[in-house]
Structure formats: structure tokens, C-alpha cells
Amino acid sequence: MTSWLIDALLVSALLVTSWRTGTMYRELRRLRSDETALRAVLVDADQSINKAANAVVLLKSEGVRTLQTLEERMAEARELAERLDIILDSYERRRIAPANDADTPSRFASVPVAIR
């Protein structure tokens, strides 16, 4: 009778161990499939990050070129603005000068017209 009890205990322990082993095997198989999926996701993420890094580098170089072009254009615009100011000042001086000459009496005002 003791041997039956020990045998029953050992068989139940074997059944529990077998059941637990099967459960662990299924969990391990699921983890391996998840690992494969995770690996694929990480590879995709790495490729996406590399593409984004390349895009950032390209944007930076384009931005630097745009900034240089903008600085050149701004320098040209400043030069043109200075030239325009000079031209406008000259025009204003010419426009105002004849009006001042007409208002001021000539130094020859006392001389008769026939002698002039």
C-alpha cells in the first residue's frame, strides 16, 4: 500500500512537471516568435533612423547654402539701397537747387539787361 501511495505521488508529480514543461515550451515558442518580430521591428526602426539622419544632414546642407545665398542677396540689396539713396539725394539736390537760384537775386541784378 505504501508503494501505491508513493507511485501515485510520483505519477502526479510527473503529470504536474509534464504540464508545466508543456506550458513553458509554449511560452518559450511565443517569446521566440516575439523576439523575431521585435528584431524585424528594430531593423526597420534602424533603417528609418538612418533615413531620418540622412534627411537632417541634407536639410542642414541645404539650409547652409540657402543662408549663404540669402547673405549674398542681402549684401547686394544693401549696396543697391545705398546707391538708390545717393541717387535720390542727388535728385533732391538738383530739384531744390533751381528753386533756390530763382528766389535769390543774381549778383548781376543791378547790371542792365543789355550788358549782360
PDB file of N, CA and C in Angstrom:
ATOM      1  N   MET A   1       0.803  -1.169   0.000  1.00  0.00           N
ATOM      2  CA  MET A   1       0.000   0.000   0.000  1.00  0.00           C
ATOM      3  C   MET A   1       0.864   1.257   0.000  1.00  0.00           C
ATOM      4  N   THR A   2       1.911   1.252   0.666  1.00  0.00           N
ATOM      5  CA  THR A   2       2.808   2.393   0.684  1.00  0.00           C
ATOM      6  C   THR A   2       3.385   2.619  -0.699  1.00  0.00           C
ATOM      7  N   SER A   3       3.664   1.544  -1.403  1.00  0.00           N
ATOM      8  CA  SER A   3       4.232   1.709  -2.737  1.00  0.00           C
ATOM      9  C   SER A   3       3.212   2.334  -3.677  1.00  0.00           C
ATOM     10  N   TRP A   4       1.901   1.972  -3.495  1.00  0.00           N
ATOM     11  CA  TRP A   4       0.867   2.603  -4.323  1.00  0.00           C
ATOM     12  C   TRP A   4       0.786   4.097  -4.031  1.00  0.00           C
ATOM     13  N   LEU A   5       0.919   4.455  -2.841  1.00  0.00           N
ATOM     14  CA  LEU A   5       0.854   5.854  -2.447  1.00  0.00           C
ATOM     15  C   LEU A   5       2.040   6.628  -3.019  1.00  0.00           C
ATOM     16  N   ILE A   6       3.201   6.024  -2.923  1.00  0.00           N
ATOM     17  CA  ILE A   6       4.407   6.662  -3.467  1.00  0.00           C
ATOM     18  C   ILE A   6       4.303   6.728  -4.990  1.00  0.00           C
ATOM     19  N   ASP A   7       3.832   5.642  -5.614  1.00  0.00           N
ATOM     20  CA  ASP A   7       3.666   5.626  -7.070  1.00  0.00           C
ATOM     21  C   ASP A   7       2.666   6.699  -7.517  1.00  0.00           C
ATOM     22  N   ALA A   8       1.566   6.835  -6.795  1.00  0.00           N
ATOM     23  CA  ALA A   8       0.558   7.843  -7.142  1.00  0.00           C
ATOM     24  C   ALA A   8       1.139   9.250  -6.986  1.00  0.00           C
ATOM     25  N   LEU A   9       1.904   9.446  -5.929  1.00  0.00           N
ATOM     26  CA  LEU A   9       2.541  10.742  -5.706  1.00  0.00           C
ATOM     27  C   LEU A   9       3.539  11.052  -6.817  1.00  0.00           C
ATOM     28  N   LEU A  10       4.339  10.062  -7.201  1.00  0.00           N
ATOM     29  CA  LEU A  10       5.320  10.257  -8.267  1.00  0.00           C
ATOM     30  C   LEU A  10       4.641  10.494  -9.619  1.00  0.00           C
ATOM     31  N   VAL A  11       3.559   9.760  -9.896  1.00  0.00           N
ATOM     32  CA  VAL A  11       2.828   9.952 -11.154  1.00  0.00           C
ATOM     33  C   VAL A  11       2.216  11.346 -11.184  1.00  0.00           C
ATOM     34  N   SER A  12       1.639  11.803 -10.072  1.00  0.00           N
ATOM     35  CA  SER A  12       1.055  13.151 -10.038  1.00  0.00           C
ATOM     36  C   SER A  12       2.154  14.211 -10.198  1.00  0.00           C
ATOM     37  N   ALA A  13       3.301  13.989  -9.578  1.00  0.00           N
ATOM     38  CA  ALA A  13       4.417  14.927  -9.746  1.00  0.00           C
ATOM     39  C   ALA A  13       4.883  14.939 -11.201  1.00  0.00           C
ATOM     40  N   LEU A  14       4.922  13.755 -11.832  1.00  0.00           N
ATOM     41  CA  LEU A  14       5.305  13.659 -13.235  1.00  0.00           C
ATOM     42  C   LEU A  14       4.291  14.385 -14.119  1.00  0.00           C
ATOM     43  N   LEU A  15       3.006  14.235 -13.824  1.00  0.00           N
ATOM     44  CA  LEU A  15       1.970  14.923 -14.598  1.00  0.00           C
ATOM     45  C   LEU A  15       2.077  16.448 -14.450  1.00  0.00           C
ATOM     46  N   VAL A  16       2.291  16.905 -13.230  1.00  0.00           N
ATOM     47  CA  VAL A  16       2.437  18.348 -12.994  1.00  0.00           C
ATOM     48  C   VAL A  16       3.671  18.862 -13.716  1.00  0.00           C
ATOM     49  N   THR A  17       4.769  18.109 -13.647  1.00  0.00           N
ATOM     50  CA  THR A  17       6.008  18.507 -14.324  1.00  0.00           C
ATOM     51  C   THR A  17       5.813  18.526 -15.839  1.00  0.00           C
ATOM     52  N   SER A  18       5.121  17.523 -16.368  1.00  0.00           N
ATOM     53  CA  SER A  18       4.857  17.474 -17.812  1.00  0.00           C
ATOM     54  C   SER A  18       3.983  18.645 -18.241  1.00  0.00           C
ATOM     55  N   TRP A  19       2.946  18.907 -17.472  1.00  0.00           N
ATOM     56  CA  TRP A  19       2.070  20.028 -17.796  1.00  0.00           C
ATOM     57  C   TRP A  19       2.838  21.350 -17.759  1.00  0.00           C
ATOM     58  N   ARG A  20       3.643  21.526 -16.702  1.00  0.00           N
ATOM     59  CA  ARG A  20       4.432  22.769 -16.568  1.00  0.00           C
ATOM     60  C   ARG A  20       5.461  22.871 -17.690  1.00  0.00           C
ATOM     61  N   THR A  21       6.064  21.768 -18.092  1.00  0.00           N
ATOM     62  CA  THR A  21       7.037  21.764 -19.187  1.00  0.00           C
ATOM     63  C   THR A  21       6.358  22.164 -20.495  1.00  0.00           C
ATOM     64  N   GLY A  22       5.173  21.630 -20.740  1.00  0.00           N
ATOM     65  CA  GLY A  22       4.417  21.998 -21.948  1.00  0.00           C
ATOM     66  C   GLY A  22       4.069  23.480 -21.954  1.00  0.00           C
ATOM     67  N   THR A  23       3.655  23.991 -20.807  1.00  0.00           N
ATOM     68  CA  THR A  23       3.328  25.410 -20.690  1.00  0.00           C
ATOM     69  C   THR A  23       4.562  26.273 -20.953  1.00  0.00           C
ATOM     70  N   MET A  24       5.670  25.870 -20.370  1.00  0.00           N
ATOM     71  CA  MET A  24       6.915  26.628 -20.560  1.00  0.00           C
ATOM     72  C   MET A  24       7.388  26.559 -22.015  1.00  0.00           C
ATOM     73  N   TYR A  25       7.184  25.405 -22.652  1.00  0.00           N
ATOM     74  CA  TYR A  25       7.581  25.253 -24.048  1.00  0.00           C
ATOM     75  C   TYR A  25       6.762  26.190 -24.936  1.00  0.00           C
ATOM     76  N   ARG A  26       5.447  26.271 -24.696  1.00  0.00           N
ATOM     77  CA  ARG A  26       4.598  27.173 -25.474  1.00  0.00           C
ATOM     78  C   ARG A  26       4.990  28.636 -25.236  1.00  0.00           C
ATOM     79  N   GLU A  27       5.277  28.964 -23.996  1.00  0.00           N
ATOM     80  CA  GLU A  27       5.692  30.330 -23.676  1.00  0.00           C
ATOM     81  C   GLU A  27       7.029  30.669 -24.340  1.00  0.00           C
ATOM     82  N   LEU A  28       7.946  29.724 -24.321  1.00  0.00           N
ATOM     83  CA  LEU A  28       9.246  29.925 -24.961  1.00  0.00           C
ATOM     84  C   LEU A  28       9.085  30.103 -26.470  1.00  0.00           C
ATOM     85  N   ARG A  29       8.218  29.309 -27.087  1.00  0.00           N
ATOM     86  CA  ARG A  29       7.964  29.421 -28.519  1.00  0.00           C
ATOM     87  C   ARG A  29       7.346  30.786 -28.850  1.00  0.00           C
ATOM     88  N   ARG A  30       6.429  31.242 -27.997  1.00  0.00           N
ATOM     89  CA  ARG A  30       5.824  32.562 -28.191  1.00  0.00           C
ATOM     90  C   ARG A  30       6.872  33.662 -28.037  1.00  0.00           C
ATOM     91  N   LEU A  31       7.738  33.530 -27.051  1.00  0.00           N
ATOM     92  CA  LEU A  31       8.792  34.523 -26.855  1.00  0.00           C
ATOM     93  C   LEU A  31       9.746  34.568 -28.046  1.00  0.00           C
ATOM     94  N   ARG A  32      10.047  33.398 -28.610  1.00  0.00           N
ATOM     95  CA  ARG A  32      10.937  33.367 -29.777  1.00  0.00           C
ATOM     96  C   ARG A  32      10.283  34.048 -30.970  1.00  0.00           C
ATOM     97  N   SER A  33       8.986  33.818 -31.149  1.00  0.00           N
ATOM     98  CA  SER A  33       8.299  34.491 -32.262  1.00  0.00           C
ATOM     99  C   SER A  33       8.230  36.000 -32.005  1.00  0.00           C
ATOM    100  N   ASP A  34       8.011  36.383 -30.746  1.00  0.00           N
ATOM    101  CA  ASP A  34       8.022  37.802 -30.399  1.00  0.00           C
ATOM    102  C   ASP A  34       9.410  38.399 -30.611  1.00  0.00           C
ATOM    103  N   GLU A  35      10.447  37.614 -30.297  1.00  0.00           N
ATOM    104  CA  GLU A  35      11.819  38.080 -30.497  1.00  0.00           C
ATOM    105  C   GLU A  35      12.085  38.318 -31.980  1.00  0.00           C
ATOM    106  N   THR A  36      11.607  37.418 -32.820  1.00  0.00           N
ATOM    107  CA  THR A  36      11.782  37.576 -34.262  1.00  0.00           C
ATOM    108  C   THR A  36      11.062  38.830 -34.748  1.00  0.00           C
ATOM    109  N   ALA A  37       9.847  39.015 -34.268  1.00  0.00           N
ATOM    110  CA  ALA A  37       9.092  40.216 -34.651  1.00  0.00           C
ATOM    111  C   ALA A  37       9.787  41.474 -34.132  1.00  0.00           C
ATOM    112  N   LEU A  38      10.290  41.412 -32.894  1.00  0.00           N
ATOM    113  CA  LEU A  38      10.993  42.547 -32.320  1.00  0.00           C
ATOM    114  C   LEU A  38      12.259  42.852 -33.114  1.00  0.00           C
ATOM    115  N   ARG A  39      12.970  41.819 -33.511  1.00  0.00           N
ATOM    116  CA  ARG A  39      14.184  42.008 -34.304  1.00  0.00           C
ATOM    117  C   ARG A  39      13.841  42.700 -35.629  1.00  0.00           C
ATOM    118  N   ALA A  40      12.763  42.256 -36.265  1.00  0.00           N
ATOM    119  CA  ALA A  40      12.340  42.879 -37.526  1.00  0.00           C
ATOM    120  C   ALA A  40      11.953  44.341 -37.308  1.00  0.00           C
ATOM    121  N   VAL A  41      11.254  44.608 -36.213  1.00  0.00           N
ATOM    122  CA  VAL A  41      10.866  45.984 -35.901  1.00  0.00           C
ATOM    123  C   VAL A  41      12.103  46.838 -35.641  1.00  0.00           C
ATOM    124  N   LEU A  42      13.079  46.287 -34.926  1.00  0.00           N
ATOM    125  CA  LEU A  42      14.299  47.040 -34.646  1.00  0.00           C
ATOM    126  C   LEU A  42      15.091  47.324 -35.918  1.00  0.00           C
ATOM    127  N   VAL A  43      15.131  46.365 -36.830  1.00  0.00           N
ATOM    128  CA  VAL A  43      15.817  46.587 -38.109  1.00  0.00           C
ATOM    129  C   VAL A  43      15.111  47.698 -38.884  1.00  0.00           C
ATOM    130  N   ASP A  44      13.778  47.648 -38.920  1.00  0.00           N
ATOM    131  CA  ASP A  44      13.021  48.704 -39.599  1.00  0.00           C
ATOM    132  C   ASP A  44      13.246  50.063 -38.938  1.00  0.00           C
ATOM    133  N   ALA A  45      13.254  50.066 -37.609  1.00  0.00           N
ATOM    134  CA  ALA A  45      13.475  51.318 -36.888  1.00  0.00           C
ATOM    135  C   ALA A  45      14.873  51.863 -37.174  1.00  0.00           C
ATOM    136  N   ASP A  46      15.865  50.987 -37.224  1.00  0.00           N
ATOM    137  CA  ASP A  46      17.232  51.408 -37.527  1.00  0.00           C
ATOM    138  C   ASP A  46      17.310  52.021 -38.922  1.00  0.00           C
ATOM    139  N   GLN A  47      16.656  51.388 -39.884  1.00  0.00           N
ATOM    140  CA  GLN A  47      16.645  51.936 -41.245  1.00  0.00           C
ATOM    141  C   GLN A  47      15.941  53.291 -41.281  1.00  0.00           C
ATOM    142  N   SER A  48      14.842  53.404 -40.560  1.00  0.00           N
ATOM    143  CA  SER A  48      14.114  54.675 -40.524  1.00  0.00           C
ATOM    144  C   SER A  48      14.955  55.768 -39.875  1.00  0.00           C
ATOM    145  N   ILE A  49      15.651  55.419 -38.805  1.00  0.00           N
ATOM    146  CA  ILE A  49      16.507  56.397 -38.129  1.00  0.00           C
ATOM    147  C   ILE A  49      17.637  56.834 -39.051  1.00  0.00           C
ATOM    148  N   ASN A  50      18.220  55.893 -39.783  1.00  0.00           N
ATOM    149  CA  ASN A  50      19.287  56.246 -40.724  1.00  0.00           C
ATOM    150  C   ASN A  50      18.769  57.164 -41.827  1.00  0.00           C
ATOM    151  N   LYS A  51      17.565  56.875 -42.338  1.00  0.00           N
ATOM    152  CA  LYS A  51      16.976  57.747 -43.361  1.00  0.00           C
ATOM    153  C   LYS A  51      16.726  59.140 -42.794  1.00  0.00           C
ATOM    154  N   ALA A  52      16.220  59.192 -41.565  1.00  0.00           N
ATOM    155  CA  ALA A  52      15.956  60.490 -40.941  1.00  0.00           C
ATOM    156  C   ALA A  52      17.256  61.259 -40.721  1.00  0.00           C
ATOM    157  N   ALA A  53      18.312  60.560 -40.309  1.00  0.00           N
ATOM    158  CA  ALA A  53      19.608  61.217 -40.111  1.00  0.00           C
ATOM    159  C   ALA A  53      20.130  61.774 -41.431  1.00  0.00           C
ATOM    160  N   ASN A  54      19.992  61.000 -42.496  1.00  0.00           N
ATOM    161  CA  ASN A  54      20.420  61.491 -43.807  1.00  0.00           C
ATOM    162  C   ASN A  54      19.607  62.711 -44.224  1.00  0.00           C
ATOM    163  N   ALA A  55      18.314  62.675 -43.951  1.00  0.00           N
ATOM    164  CA  ALA A  55      17.463  63.817 -44.290  1.00  0.00           C
ATOM    165  C   ALA A  55      17.883  65.059 -43.504  1.00  0.00           C
ATOM    166  N   VAL A  56      18.229  64.871 -42.234  1.00  0.00           N
ATOM    167  CA  VAL A  56      18.674  66.003 -41.418  1.00  0.00           C
ATOM    168  C   VAL A  56      19.967  66.581 -41.975  1.00  0.00           C
ATOM    169  N   VAL A  57      20.900  65.712 -42.367  1.00  0.00           N
ATOM    170  CA  VAL A  57      22.163  66.182 -42.938  1.00  0.00           C
ATOM    171  C   VAL A  57      21.899  66.953 -44.232  1.00  0.00           C
ATOM    172  N   LEU A  58      21.019  66.423 -45.078  1.00  0.00           N
ATOM    173  CA  LEU A  58      20.692  67.115 -46.327  1.00  0.00           C
ATOM    174  C   LEU A  58      20.021  68.461 -46.053  1.00  0.00           C
ATOM    175  N   LEU A  59      19.101  68.481 -45.088  1.00  0.00           N
ATOM    176  CA  LEU A  59      18.441  69.736 -44.743  1.00  0.00           C
ATOM    177  C   LEU A  59      19.434  70.759 -44.210  1.00  0.00           C
ATOM    178  N   LYS A  60      20.395  70.289 -43.425  1.00  0.00           N
ATOM    179  CA  LYS A  60      21.395  71.201 -42.884  1.00  0.00           C
ATOM    180  C   LYS A  60      22.219  71.803 -44.007  1.00  0.00           C
ATOM    181  N   SER A  61      22.677  70.961 -44.937  1.00  0.00           N
ATOM    182  CA  SER A  61      23.497  71.483 -46.031  1.00  0.00           C
ATOM    183  C   SER A  61      22.681  72.432 -46.906  1.00  0.00           C
ATOM    184  N   GLU A  62      21.417  72.097 -47.158  1.00  0.00           N
ATOM    185  CA  GLU A  62      20.555  72.992 -47.928  1.00  0.00           C
ATOM    186  C   GLU A  62      20.334  74.301 -47.173  1.00  0.00           C
ATOM    187  N   GLY A  63      20.157  74.206 -45.870  1.00  0.00           N
ATOM    188  CA  GLY A  63      19.968  75.408 -45.059  1.00  0.00           C
ATOM    189  C   GLY A  63      21.192  76.301 -45.077  1.00  0.00           C
ATOM    190  N   VAL A  64      22.382  75.690 -45.009  1.00  0.00           N
ATOM    191  CA  VAL A  64      23.618  76.472 -45.050  1.00  0.00           C
ATOM    192  C   VAL A  64      23.734  77.174 -46.399  1.00  0.00           C
ATOM    193  N   ARG A  65      23.461  76.435 -47.481  1.00  0.00           N
ATOM    194  CA  ARG A  65      23.521  77.048 -48.815  1.00  0.00           C
ATOM    195  C   ARG A  65      22.497  78.177 -48.951  1.00  0.00           C
ATOM    196  N   THR A  66      21.301  77.949 -48.438  1.00  0.00           N
ATOM    197  CA  THR A  66      20.265  78.979 -48.501  1.00  0.00           C
ATOM    198  C   THR A  66      20.680  80.210 -47.706  1.00  0.00           C
ATOM    199  N   LEU A  67      21.266  79.991 -46.536  1.00  0.00           N
ATOM    200  CA  LEU A  67      21.719  81.102 -45.706  1.00  0.00           C
ATOM    201  C   LEU A  67      22.814  81.894 -46.403  1.00  0.00           C
ATOM    202  N   GLN A  68      23.765  81.209 -47.034  1.00  0.00           N
ATOM    203  CA  GLN A  68      24.827  81.901 -47.759  1.00  0.00           C
ATOM    204  C   GLN A  68      24.250  82.724 -48.904  1.00  0.00           C
ATOM    205  N   THR A  69      23.327  82.132 -49.648  1.00  0.00           N
ATOM    206  CA  THR A  69      22.697  82.856 -50.754  1.00  0.00           C
ATOM    207  C   THR A  69      21.933  84.065 -50.234  1.00  0.00           C
ATOM    208  N   LEU A  70      21.227  83.882 -49.129  1.00  0.00           N
ATOM    209  CA  LEU A  70      20.475  84.985 -48.535  1.00  0.00           C
ATOM    210  C   LEU A  70      21.406  86.107 -48.086  1.00  0.00           C
ATOM    211  N   GLU A  71      22.539  85.756 -47.485  1.00  0.00           N
ATOM    212  CA  GLU A  71      23.503  86.771 -47.064  1.00  0.00           C
ATOM    213  C   GLU A  71      24.046  87.532 -48.266  1.00  0.00           C
ATOM    214  N   GLU A  72      24.335  86.814 -49.358  1.00  0.00           N
ATOM    215  CA  GLU A  72      24.816  87.480 -50.570  1.00  0.00           C
ATOM    216  C   GLU A  72      23.759  88.433 -51.115  1.00  0.00           C
ATOM    217  N   ARG A  73      22.525  87.973 -51.164  1.00  0.00           N
ATOM    218  CA  ARG A  73      21.445  88.816 -51.677  1.00  0.00           C
ATOM    219  C   ARG A  73      21.211  90.031 -50.774  1.00  0.00           C
ATOM    220  N   MET A  74      21.340  89.831 -49.463  1.00  0.00           N
ATOM    221  CA  MET A  74      21.166  90.961 -48.550  1.00  0.00           C
ATOM    222  C   MET A  74      22.273  91.991 -48.744  1.00  0.00           C
ATOM    223  N   ALA A  75      23.506  91.521 -48.969  1.00  0.00           N
ATOM    224  CA  ALA A  75      24.604  92.449 -49.233  1.00  0.00           C
ATOM    225  C   ALA A  75      24.341  93.221 -50.525  1.00  0.00           C
ATOM    226  N   GLU A  76      23.873  92.526 -51.555  1.00  0.00           N
ATOM    227  CA  GLU A  76      23.528  93.198 -52.813  1.00  0.00           C
ATOM    228  C   GLU A  76      22.414  94.219 -52.586  1.00  0.00           C
ATOM    229  N   ALA A  77      21.422  93.841 -51.795  1.00  0.00           N
ATOM    230  CA  ALA A  77      20.301  94.751 -51.523  1.00  0.00           C
ATOM    231  C   ALA A  77      20.781  95.987 -50.765  1.00  0.00           C
ATOM    232  N   ARG A  78      21.695  95.812 -49.819  1.00  0.00           N
ATOM    233  CA  ARG A  78      22.235  96.966 -49.086  1.00  0.00           C
ATOM    234  C   ARG A  78      22.980  97.905 -50.032  1.00  0.00           C
ATOM    235  N   GLU A  79      23.795  97.312 -50.918  1.00  0.00           N
ATOM    236  CA  GLU A  79      24.518  98.132 -51.888  1.00  0.00           C
ATOM    237  C   GLU A  79      23.546  98.897 -52.781  1.00  0.00           C
ATOM    238  N   LEU A  80      22.516  98.209 -53.256  1.00  0.00           N
ATOM    239  CA  LEU A  80      21.528  98.877 -54.106  1.00  0.00           C
ATOM    240  C   LEU A  80      20.776  99.960 -53.340  1.00  0.00           C
ATOM    241  N   ALA A  81      20.483  99.712 -52.078  1.00  0.00           N
ATOM    242  CA  ALA A  81      19.792 100.715 -51.263  1.00  0.00           C
ATOM    243  C   ALA A  81      20.677 101.942 -51.077  1.00  0.00           C
ATOM    244  N   GLU A  82      21.972 101.728 -50.847  1.00  0.00           N
ATOM    245  CA  GLU A  82      22.891 102.856 -50.717  1.00  0.00           C
ATOM    246  C   GLU A  82      22.958 103.649 -52.023  1.00  0.00           C
ATOM    247  N   ARG A  83      23.057 102.935 -53.138  1.00  0.00           N
ATOM    248  CA  ARG A  83      23.098 103.614 -54.437  1.00  0.00           C
ATOM    249  C   ARG A  83      21.811 104.394 -54.682  1.00  0.00           C
ATOM    250  N   LEU A  84      20.686 103.789 -54.332  1.00  0.00           N
ATOM    251  CA  LEU A  84      19.404 104.469 -54.507  1.00  0.00           C
ATOM    252  C   LEU A  84      19.319 105.712 -53.627  1.00  0.00           C
ATOM    253  N   ASP A  85      19.811 105.623 -52.386  1.00  0.00           N
ATOM    254  CA  ASP A  85      19.827 106.798 -51.513  1.00  0.00           C
ATOM    255  C   ASP A  85      20.671 107.910 -52.117  1.00  0.00           C
ATOM    256  N   ILE A  86      21.830 107.552 -52.666  1.00  0.00           N
ATOM    257  CA  ILE A  86      22.701 108.556 -53.288  1.00  0.00           C
ATOM    258  C   ILE A  86      21.999 109.201 -54.478  1.00  0.00           C
ATOM    259  N   ILE A  87      21.373 108.373 -55.312  1.00  0.00           N
ATOM    260  CA  ILE A  87      20.661 108.895 -56.485  1.00  0.00           C
ATOM    261  C   ILE A  87      19.506 109.797 -56.059  1.00  0.00           C
ATOM    262  N   LEU A  88      18.748 109.370 -55.043  1.00  0.00           N
ATOM    263  CA  LEU A  88      17.630 110.193 -54.569  1.00  0.00           C
ATOM    264  C   LEU A  88      18.114 111.506 -53.967  1.00  0.00           C
ATOM    265  N   ASP A  89      19.197 111.456 -53.193  1.00  0.00           N
ATOM    266  CA  ASP A  89      19.756 112.688 -52.636  1.00  0.00           C
ATOM    267  C   ASP A  89      20.193 113.628 -53.750  1.00  0.00           C
ATOM    268  N   SER A  90      20.851 113.076 -54.755  1.00  0.00           N
ATOM    269  CA  SER A  90      21.287 113.893 -55.895  1.00  0.00           C
ATOM    270  C   SER A  90      20.086 114.510 -56.604  1.00  0.00           C
ATOM    271  N   TYR A  91      19.061 113.722 -56.809  1.00  0.00           N
ATOM    272  CA  TYR A  91      17.848 114.223 -57.463  1.00  0.00           C
ATOM    273  C   TYR A  91      17.211 115.340 -56.636  1.00  0.00           C
ATOM    274  N   GLU A  92      17.116 115.126 -55.338  1.00  0.00           N
ATOM    275  CA  GLU A  92      16.512 116.136 -54.463  1.00  0.00           C
ATOM    276  C   GLU A  92      17.333 117.422 -54.494  1.00  0.00           C
ATOM    277  N   ARG A  93      18.663 117.297 -54.472  1.00  0.00           N
ATOM    278  CA  ARG A  93      19.508 118.488 -54.525  1.00  0.00           C
ATOM    279  C   ARG A  93      19.307 119.234 -55.841  1.00  0.00           C
ATOM    280  N   ARG A  94      19.203 118.508 -56.934  1.00  0.00           N
ATOM    281  CA  ARG A  94      19.004 119.147 -58.240  1.00  0.00           C
ATOM    282  C   ARG A  94      17.625 119.803 -58.329  1.00  0.00           C
ATOM    283  N   ARG A  95      16.648 119.152 -57.769  1.00  0.00           N
ATOM    284  CA  ARG A  95      15.285 119.684 -57.829  1.00  0.00           C
ATOM    285  C   ARG A  95      15.152 120.941 -56.975  1.00  0.00           C
ATOM    286  N   ILE A  96      15.796 120.929 -55.833  1.00  0.00           N
ATOM    287  CA  ILE A  96      15.697 122.075 -54.924  1.00  0.00           C
ATOM    288  C   ILE A  96      16.604 123.210 -55.378  1.00  0.00           C
ATOM    289  N   ALA A  97      17.749 122.927 -55.937  1.00  0.00           N
ATOM    290  CA  ALA A  97      18.730 123.944 -56.306  1.00  0.00           C
ATOM    291  C   ALA A  97      18.171 124.982 -57.275  1.00  0.00           C
ATOM    292  N   PRO A  98      17.508 124.632 -58.376  1.00  0.00           N
ATOM    293  CA  PRO A  98      16.989 125.683 -59.263  1.00  0.00           C
ATOM    294  C   PRO A  98      15.958 126.574 -58.578  1.00  0.00           C
ATOM    295  N   ALA A  99      15.176 126.043 -57.701  1.00  0.00           N
ATOM    296  CA  ALA A  99      14.186 126.859 -56.996  1.00  0.00           C
ATOM    297  C   ALA A  99      14.889 127.882 -56.132  1.00  0.00           C
ATOM    298  N   ASN A 100      15.968 127.509 -55.499  1.00  0.00           N
ATOM    299  CA  ASN A 100      16.730 128.435 -54.671  1.00  0.00           C
ATOM    300  C   ASN A 100      17.396 129.498 -55.539  1.00  0.00           C
ATOM    301  N   ASP A 101      17.881 129.121 -56.718  1.00  0.00           N
ATOM    302  CA  ASP A 101      18.528 130.088 -57.594  1.00  0.00           C
ATOM    303  C   ASP A 101      17.531 131.136 -58.079  1.00  0.00           C
ATOM    304  N   ALA A 102      16.309 130.757 -58.342  1.00  0.00           N
ATOM    305  CA  ALA A 102      15.300 131.704 -58.816  1.00  0.00           C
ATOM    306  C   ALA A 102      14.892 132.668 -57.714  1.00  0.00           C
ATOM    307  N   ASP A 103      14.898 132.210 -56.486  1.00  0.00           N
ATOM    308  CA  ASP A 103      14.494 133.059 -55.365  1.00  0.00           C
ATOM    309  C   ASP A 103      15.587 134.050 -54.981  1.00  0.00           C
ATOM    310  N   THR A 104      16.810 133.676 -55.115  1.00  0.00           N
ATOM    311  CA  THR A 104      17.902 134.567 -54.707  1.00  0.00           C
ATOM    312  C   THR A 104      18.228 135.525 -55.855  1.00  0.00           C
ATOM    313  N   PRO A 105      18.412 136.750 -55.530  1.00  0.00           N
ATOM    314  CA  PRO A 105      18.750 137.712 -56.593  1.00  0.00           C
ATOM    315  C   PRO A 105      20.148 137.434 -57.142  1.00  0.00           C
ATOM    316  N   SER A 106      20.291 137.627 -58.406  1.00  0.00           N
ATOM    317  CA  SER A 106      21.572 137.416 -59.059  1.00  0.00           C
ATOM    318  C   SER A 106      22.526 138.535 -58.687  1.00  0.00           C
ATOM    319  N   ARG A 107      23.797 138.267 -58.725  1.00  0.00           N
ATOM    320  CA  ARG A 107      24.761 139.315 -58.413  1.00  0.00           C
ATOM    321  C   ARG A 107      24.812 140.347 -59.542  1.00  0.00           C
ATOM    322  N   PHE A 108      24.248 139.928 -60.674  1.00  0.00           N
ATOM    323  CA  PHE A 108      24.187 140.853 -61.799  1.00  0.00           C
ATOM    324  C   PHE A 108      22.837 141.580 -61.867  1.00  0.00           C
ATOM    325  N   ALA A 109      22.067 141.556 -60.812  1.00  0.00           N
ATOM    326  CA  ALA A 109      20.735 142.145 -60.832  1.00  0.00           C
ATOM    327  C   ALA A 109      20.796 143.657 -61.055  1.00  0.00           C
ATOM    328  N   SER A 110      21.813 144.269 -60.591  1.00  0.00           N
ATOM    329  CA  SER A 110      21.912 145.718 -60.749  1.00  0.00           C
ATOM    330  C   SER A 110      22.429 146.116 -62.130  1.00  0.00           C
ATOM    331  N   VAL A 111      22.969 145.149 -62.879  1.00  0.00           N
ATOM    332  CA  VAL A 111      23.511 145.439 -64.205  1.00  0.00           C
ATOM    333  C   VAL A 111      22.361 145.419 -65.211  1.00  0.00           C
ATOM    334  N   PRO A 112      22.306 146.366 -66.136  1.00  0.00           N
ATOM    335  CA  PRO A 112      21.227 146.378 -67.113  1.00  0.00           C
ATOM    336  C   PRO A 112      21.265 145.133 -67.982  1.00  0.00           C
ATOM    337  N   VAL A 113      20.130 144.739 -68.467  1.00  0.00           N
ATOM    338  CA  VAL A 113      19.961 143.513 -69.242  1.00  0.00           C
ATOM    339  C   VAL A 113      20.776 143.585 -70.520  1.00  0.00           C
ATOM    340  N   ALA A 114      20.884 144.684 -71.123  1.00  0.00           N
ATOM    341  CA  ALA A 114      21.620 144.804 -72.380  1.00  0.00           C
ATOM    342  C   ALA A 114      23.086 144.482 -72.199  1.00  0.00           C
ATOM    343  N   ILE A 115      23.641 144.751 -71.082  1.00  0.00           N
ATOM    344  CA  ILE A 115      25.065 144.484 -70.847  1.00  0.00           C
ATOM    345  C   ILE A 115      25.290 143.009 -70.529  1.00  0.00           C
ATOM    346  N   ARG A 116      24.355 142.417 -69.960  1.00  0.00           N
ATOM    347  CA  ARG A 116      24.514 141.012 -69.547  1.00  0.00           C
ATOM    348  C   ARG A 116      24.732 140.219 -70.754  1.00  0.00           C
TER     349      ARG A 116
END
